Amino acid sequence: MKLMILFFSVFLATGLCGFDKPAIRVLKSFSDSQIRKVEQQVLQRYGVNVAVNVISRNAKREITNLEFIRYSKDGKKGGSCSSDKFGLLIITSDGCRIADAGYEQGL
């Protein structure tokens, strides 16, 4: 029973049930070119421009500090989120969420 509840929770949380498109994710291991592809994906999927700015990386080339900016259709800054202990960025049709390193499973 617990396994079934876990499966159903993951099913709803990941958007696999068809209610919403799955969110776009940015992992700490993403390269700059992968970040640019994510920006294009967001534009294609949600019709809005975004900027994902990598502020810093560690010695392993993992993103450690990141800022996400979303622009409205008229080009004005519409919202943002950032983390100086970056772990995971989730981009959805209506915004963003960031988990600090070590807390990625909570998103």
N, C-alpha and C. Protein backbone atom coordinates (compact mmCIF):
# COMPACT_ATOMS: atom_id res chain seq x y z
N MET A 1 0.82 -1.19 0.00
CA MET A 1 0.00 0.00 0.00
C MET A 1 0.87 1.26 0.00
N LYS A 2 1.93 1.27 0.84
CA LYS A 2 2.81 2.43 0.89
C LYS A 2 3.47 2.67 -0.45
N LEU A 3 3.84 1.59 -1.13
CA LEU A 3 4.46 1.71 -2.44
C LEU A 3 3.49 2.33 -3.44
N MET A 4 2.25 1.96 -3.36
CA MET A 4 1.25 2.50 -4.27
C MET A 4 1.03 4.00 -4.00
N ILE A 5 1.02 4.41 -2.76
CA ILE A 5 0.87 5.82 -2.41
C ILE A 5 2.08 6.60 -2.90
N LEU A 6 3.27 6.04 -2.72
CA LEU A 6 4.49 6.70 -3.20
C LEU A 6 4.45 6.86 -4.71
N PHE A 7 4.07 5.82 -5.43
CA PHE A 7 3.98 5.88 -6.88
C PHE A 7 2.99 6.95 -7.32
N PHE A 8 1.83 6.99 -6.68
CA PHE A 8 0.80 7.97 -7.04
C PHE A 8 1.30 9.39 -6.76
N SER A 9 2.01 9.60 -5.66
CA SER A 9 2.55 10.91 -5.32
C SER A 9 3.56 11.37 -6.37
N VAL A 10 4.45 10.46 -6.76
CA VAL A 10 5.44 10.78 -7.79
C VAL A 10 4.75 11.06 -9.11
N PHE A 11 3.73 10.28 -9.41
CA PHE A 11 2.95 10.42 -10.64
C PHE A 11 2.35 11.82 -10.74
N LEU A 12 1.75 12.30 -9.66
CA LEU A 12 1.15 13.64 -9.66
C LEU A 12 2.21 14.73 -9.63
N ALA A 13 3.24 14.55 -8.83
CA ALA A 13 4.26 15.59 -8.66
C ALA A 13 5.08 15.82 -9.92
N THR A 14 5.27 14.80 -10.71
CA THR A 14 6.10 14.95 -11.91
C THR A 14 5.29 15.37 -13.13
N GLY A 15 3.98 15.45 -12.99
CA GLY A 15 3.16 15.88 -14.12
C GLY A 15 2.90 14.78 -15.12
N LEU A 16 3.15 13.54 -14.77
CA LEU A 16 2.96 12.43 -15.71
C LEU A 16 1.50 12.09 -15.93
N CYS A 17 0.62 12.64 -15.12
CA CYS A 17 -0.79 12.29 -15.20
C CYS A 17 -1.53 13.07 -16.28
N GLY A 18 -0.86 14.03 -16.93
CA GLY A 18 -1.50 14.75 -18.01
C GLY A 18 -2.17 16.04 -17.59
N PHE A 19 -2.21 16.36 -16.31
CA PHE A 19 -2.82 17.61 -15.86
C PHE A 19 -1.97 18.80 -16.25
N ASP A 20 -0.68 18.64 -16.28
CA ASP A 20 0.24 19.72 -16.63
C ASP A 20 1.46 19.10 -17.29
N LYS A 21 2.10 19.87 -18.13
CA LYS A 21 3.33 19.37 -18.73
C LYS A 21 4.39 19.24 -17.64
N PRO A 22 5.25 18.25 -17.76
CA PRO A 22 6.33 18.12 -16.77
C PRO A 22 7.17 19.39 -16.73
N ALA A 23 7.62 19.73 -15.56
CA ALA A 23 8.44 20.93 -15.38
C ALA A 23 9.79 20.75 -16.07
N ILE A 24 10.40 21.88 -16.37
CA ILE A 24 11.74 21.89 -16.93
C ILE A 24 12.71 22.04 -15.77
N ARG A 25 13.76 21.25 -15.75
CA ARG A 25 14.70 21.22 -14.64
C ARG A 25 16.09 21.69 -15.06
N VAL A 26 16.76 22.33 -14.12
CA VAL A 26 18.18 22.68 -14.29
C VAL A 26 18.91 22.03 -13.13
N LEU A 27 19.84 21.15 -13.45
CA LEU A 27 20.63 20.47 -12.44
C LEU A 27 21.95 21.20 -12.22
N LYS A 28 22.56 20.97 -11.06
CA LYS A 28 23.82 21.65 -10.77
C LYS A 28 24.95 21.23 -11.70
N SER A 29 24.79 20.10 -12.37
CA SER A 29 25.82 19.61 -13.30
C SER A 29 25.68 20.18 -14.71
N PHE A 30 24.66 21.00 -14.99
CA PHE A 30 24.44 21.51 -16.34
C PHE A 30 25.57 22.43 -16.79
N SER A 31 25.93 22.28 -18.05
CA SER A 31 26.93 23.15 -18.68
C SER A 31 26.23 24.45 -19.14
N ASP A 32 27.02 25.42 -19.54
CA ASP A 32 26.45 26.67 -20.04
C ASP A 32 25.60 26.43 -21.28
N SER A 33 26.01 25.52 -22.15
CA SER A 33 25.21 25.24 -23.36
C SER A 33 23.89 24.56 -22.99
N GLN A 34 23.89 23.72 -21.97
CA GLN A 34 22.64 23.11 -21.51
C GLN A 34 21.70 24.17 -20.93
N ILE A 35 22.27 25.15 -20.25
CA ILE A 35 21.47 26.25 -19.70
C ILE A 35 20.81 27.03 -20.83
N ARG A 36 21.54 27.32 -21.90
CA ARG A 36 20.98 28.04 -23.05
C ARG A 36 19.85 27.23 -23.69
N LYS A 37 20.01 25.91 -23.76
CA LYS A 37 18.95 25.05 -24.31
C LYS A 37 17.70 25.11 -23.43
N VAL A 38 17.88 25.16 -22.12
CA VAL A 38 16.74 25.27 -21.20
C VAL A 38 16.00 26.58 -21.45
N GLU A 39 16.74 27.67 -21.64
CA GLU A 39 16.10 28.95 -21.91
C GLU A 39 15.25 28.87 -23.18
N GLN A 40 15.76 28.19 -24.21
CA GLN A 40 15.00 28.02 -25.45
C GLN A 40 13.78 27.12 -25.23
N GLN A 41 13.94 26.06 -24.43
CA GLN A 41 12.81 25.17 -24.11
C GLN A 41 11.68 25.94 -23.43
N VAL A 42 12.04 26.80 -22.49
CA VAL A 42 11.03 27.59 -21.77
C VAL A 42 10.30 28.49 -22.75
N LEU A 43 11.02 29.14 -23.65
CA LEU A 43 10.40 30.00 -24.64
C LEU A 43 9.44 29.20 -25.53
N GLN A 44 9.88 28.03 -25.98
CA GLN A 44 9.04 27.21 -26.85
C GLN A 44 7.83 26.65 -26.12
N ARG A 45 8.02 26.17 -24.91
CA ARG A 45 6.94 25.51 -24.18
C ARG A 45 5.96 26.50 -23.54
N TYR A 46 6.48 27.56 -22.93
CA TYR A 46 5.63 28.48 -22.17
C TYR A 46 5.43 29.83 -22.83
N GLY A 47 6.20 30.12 -23.89
CA GLY A 47 6.04 31.37 -24.62
C GLY A 47 6.56 32.60 -23.90
N VAL A 48 7.49 32.42 -22.97
CA VAL A 48 8.07 33.55 -22.25
C VAL A 48 9.59 33.46 -22.29
N ASN A 49 10.22 34.62 -22.27
CA ASN A 49 11.68 34.67 -22.19
C ASN A 49 12.13 34.57 -20.75
N VAL A 50 13.21 33.87 -20.54
CA VAL A 50 13.82 33.75 -19.22
C VAL A 50 15.32 33.89 -19.36
N ALA A 51 15.96 34.21 -18.26
CA ALA A 51 17.42 34.23 -18.20
C ALA A 51 17.83 33.37 -17.01
N VAL A 52 18.69 32.41 -17.27
CA VAL A 52 19.27 31.59 -16.21
C VAL A 52 20.73 32.00 -16.12
N ASN A 53 21.06 32.71 -15.05
CA ASN A 53 22.41 33.24 -14.89
C ASN A 53 23.18 32.41 -13.86
N VAL A 54 24.25 31.78 -14.33
CA VAL A 54 25.13 31.05 -13.42
C VAL A 54 26.11 32.07 -12.84
N ILE A 55 26.03 32.26 -11.55
CA ILE A 55 26.87 33.24 -10.88
C ILE A 55 28.23 32.62 -10.54
N SER A 56 28.21 31.36 -10.07
CA SER A 56 29.48 30.70 -9.74
C SER A 56 29.36 29.19 -9.84
N ARG A 57 30.53 28.57 -9.99
CA ARG A 57 30.67 27.11 -10.03
C ARG A 57 31.78 26.71 -9.06
N ASN A 58 31.74 25.46 -8.62
CA ASN A 58 32.81 24.97 -7.73
C ASN A 58 33.91 24.31 -8.56
N ALA A 59 34.88 23.69 -7.89
CA ALA A 59 36.02 23.06 -8.57
C ALA A 59 35.57 21.89 -9.46
N LYS A 60 34.42 21.27 -9.16
CA LYS A 60 33.89 20.17 -9.98
C LYS A 60 33.09 20.69 -11.17
N ARG A 61 33.03 22.02 -11.33
CA ARG A 61 32.26 22.69 -12.39
C ARG A 61 30.76 22.59 -12.16
N GLU A 62 30.33 22.29 -10.93
CA GLU A 62 28.92 22.27 -10.58
C GLU A 62 28.46 23.69 -10.27
N ILE A 63 27.22 23.99 -10.63
CA ILE A 63 26.66 25.31 -10.33
C ILE A 63 26.46 25.41 -8.82
N THR A 64 26.95 26.48 -8.23
CA THR A 64 26.78 26.69 -6.78
C THR A 64 25.94 27.93 -6.49
N ASN A 65 25.86 28.85 -7.44
CA ASN A 65 25.09 30.07 -7.24
C ASN A 65 24.40 30.39 -8.56
N LEU A 66 23.07 30.51 -8.52
CA LEU A 66 22.29 30.66 -9.75
C LEU A 66 21.16 31.65 -9.53
N GLU A 67 20.82 32.38 -10.61
CA GLU A 67 19.67 33.29 -10.58
C GLU A 67 18.80 33.00 -11.80
N PHE A 68 17.50 32.95 -11.58
CA PHE A 68 16.52 32.73 -12.64
C PHE A 68 15.64 33.97 -12.73
N ILE A 69 15.51 34.53 -13.94
CA ILE A 69 14.66 35.69 -14.16
C ILE A 69 13.66 35.36 -15.25
N ARG A 70 12.40 35.63 -14.99
CA ARG A 70 11.32 35.41 -15.94
C ARG A 70 10.82 36.77 -16.41
N TYR A 71 10.58 36.91 -17.71
CA TYR A 71 10.10 38.16 -18.27
C TYR A 71 8.67 37.98 -18.77
N SER A 72 7.87 39.03 -18.62
CA SER A 72 6.51 38.99 -19.13
C SER A 72 6.55 39.09 -20.65
N LYS A 73 5.42 38.87 -21.28
CA LYS A 73 5.38 38.89 -22.75
C LYS A 73 5.74 40.26 -23.32
N ASP A 74 5.58 41.32 -22.51
CA ASP A 74 5.96 42.65 -22.99
C ASP A 74 7.41 43.01 -22.64
N GLY A 75 8.17 42.03 -22.12
CA GLY A 75 9.60 42.22 -21.88
C GLY A 75 9.99 42.73 -20.51
N LYS A 76 9.00 42.96 -19.64
CA LYS A 76 9.31 43.44 -18.30
C LYS A 76 9.64 42.27 -17.37
N LYS A 77 10.52 42.54 -16.42
CA LYS A 77 10.88 41.51 -15.45
C LYS A 77 9.62 41.09 -14.69
N GLY A 78 9.31 39.80 -14.75
CA GLY A 78 8.07 39.32 -14.16
C GLY A 78 8.24 38.54 -12.88
N GLY A 79 9.43 38.13 -12.56
CA GLY A 79 9.67 37.35 -11.35
C GLY A 79 11.03 36.70 -11.41
N SER A 80 11.49 36.28 -10.25
CA SER A 80 12.80 35.65 -10.22
C SER A 80 12.92 34.76 -8.99
N CYS A 81 13.93 33.94 -8.99
CA CYS A 81 14.32 33.17 -7.82
C CYS A 81 15.82 32.91 -7.95
N SER A 82 16.47 32.73 -6.81
CA SER A 82 17.92 32.54 -6.83
C SER A 82 18.35 31.71 -5.62
N SER A 83 19.58 31.21 -5.70
CA SER A 83 20.13 30.44 -4.59
C SER A 83 21.65 30.55 -4.62
N ASP A 84 22.22 30.77 -3.44
CA ASP A 84 23.68 30.79 -3.34
C ASP A 84 24.21 29.45 -2.81
N LYS A 85 23.32 28.47 -2.69
CA LYS A 85 23.68 27.09 -2.32
C LYS A 85 22.91 26.16 -3.25
N PHE A 86 23.02 26.44 -4.55
CA PHE A 86 22.17 25.83 -5.56
C PHE A 86 22.24 24.30 -5.60
N GLY A 87 21.05 23.69 -5.74
CA GLY A 87 20.94 22.25 -5.90
C GLY A 87 20.11 21.88 -7.12
N LEU A 88 18.93 22.53 -7.30
CA LEU A 88 18.02 22.17 -8.38
C LEU A 88 17.06 23.33 -8.65
N LEU A 89 16.83 23.62 -9.94
CA LEU A 89 15.86 24.63 -10.36
C LEU A 89 14.74 23.92 -11.09
N ILE A 90 13.50 24.21 -10.70
CA ILE A 90 12.31 23.70 -11.38
C ILE A 90 11.61 24.88 -12.02
N ILE A 91 11.38 24.81 -13.33
CA ILE A 91 10.69 25.87 -14.06
C ILE A 91 9.34 25.33 -14.51
N THR A 92 8.27 26.02 -14.13
CA THR A 92 6.92 25.61 -14.52
C THR A 92 6.28 26.72 -15.34
N SER A 93 5.08 26.50 -15.80
CA SER A 93 4.40 27.49 -16.62
C SER A 93 4.10 28.77 -15.86
N ASP A 94 4.05 28.71 -14.54
CA ASP A 94 3.71 29.91 -13.77
C ASP A 94 4.81 30.39 -12.83
N GLY A 95 6.01 29.86 -12.92
CA GLY A 95 7.08 30.35 -12.06
C GLY A 95 8.25 29.41 -11.93
N CYS A 96 8.93 29.52 -10.79
CA CYS A 96 10.12 28.71 -10.56
C CYS A 96 10.22 28.36 -9.08
N ARG A 97 10.96 27.31 -8.81
CA ARG A 97 11.30 26.89 -7.45
C ARG A 97 12.75 26.45 -7.47
N ILE A 98 13.47 26.76 -6.41
CA ILE A 98 14.86 26.33 -6.30
C ILE A 98 15.03 25.60 -4.98
N ALA A 99 15.75 24.48 -5.06
CA ALA A 99 16.14 23.75 -3.85
C ALA A 99 17.63 23.97 -3.64
N ASP A 100 17.99 24.27 -2.41
CA ASP A 100 19.40 24.36 -2.07
C ASP A 100 20.04 22.97 -2.15
N ALA A 101 21.34 22.92 -2.29
CA ALA A 101 22.08 21.66 -2.33
C ALA A 101 21.76 20.85 -1.07
N GLY A 102 21.45 19.59 -1.27
CA GLY A 102 21.09 18.70 -0.18
C GLY A 102 19.59 18.59 0.07
N TYR A 103 18.80 19.47 -0.57
CA TYR A 103 17.35 19.48 -0.37
C TYR A 103 16.59 19.27 -1.68
N GLU A 104 17.26 18.73 -2.68
CA GLU A 104 16.65 18.55 -4.01
C GLU A 104 15.45 17.62 -3.99
N GLN A 105 15.45 16.64 -3.12
CA GLN A 105 14.36 15.67 -3.07
C GLN A 105 13.04 16.30 -2.61
N GLY A 106 13.12 17.46 -1.98
CA GLY A 106 11.91 18.13 -1.49
C GLY A 106 11.08 18.79 -2.56
N LEU A 107 11.65 18.93 -3.77
CA LEU A 107 10.87 19.58 -4.84
C LEU A 107 10.10 18.58 -5.63
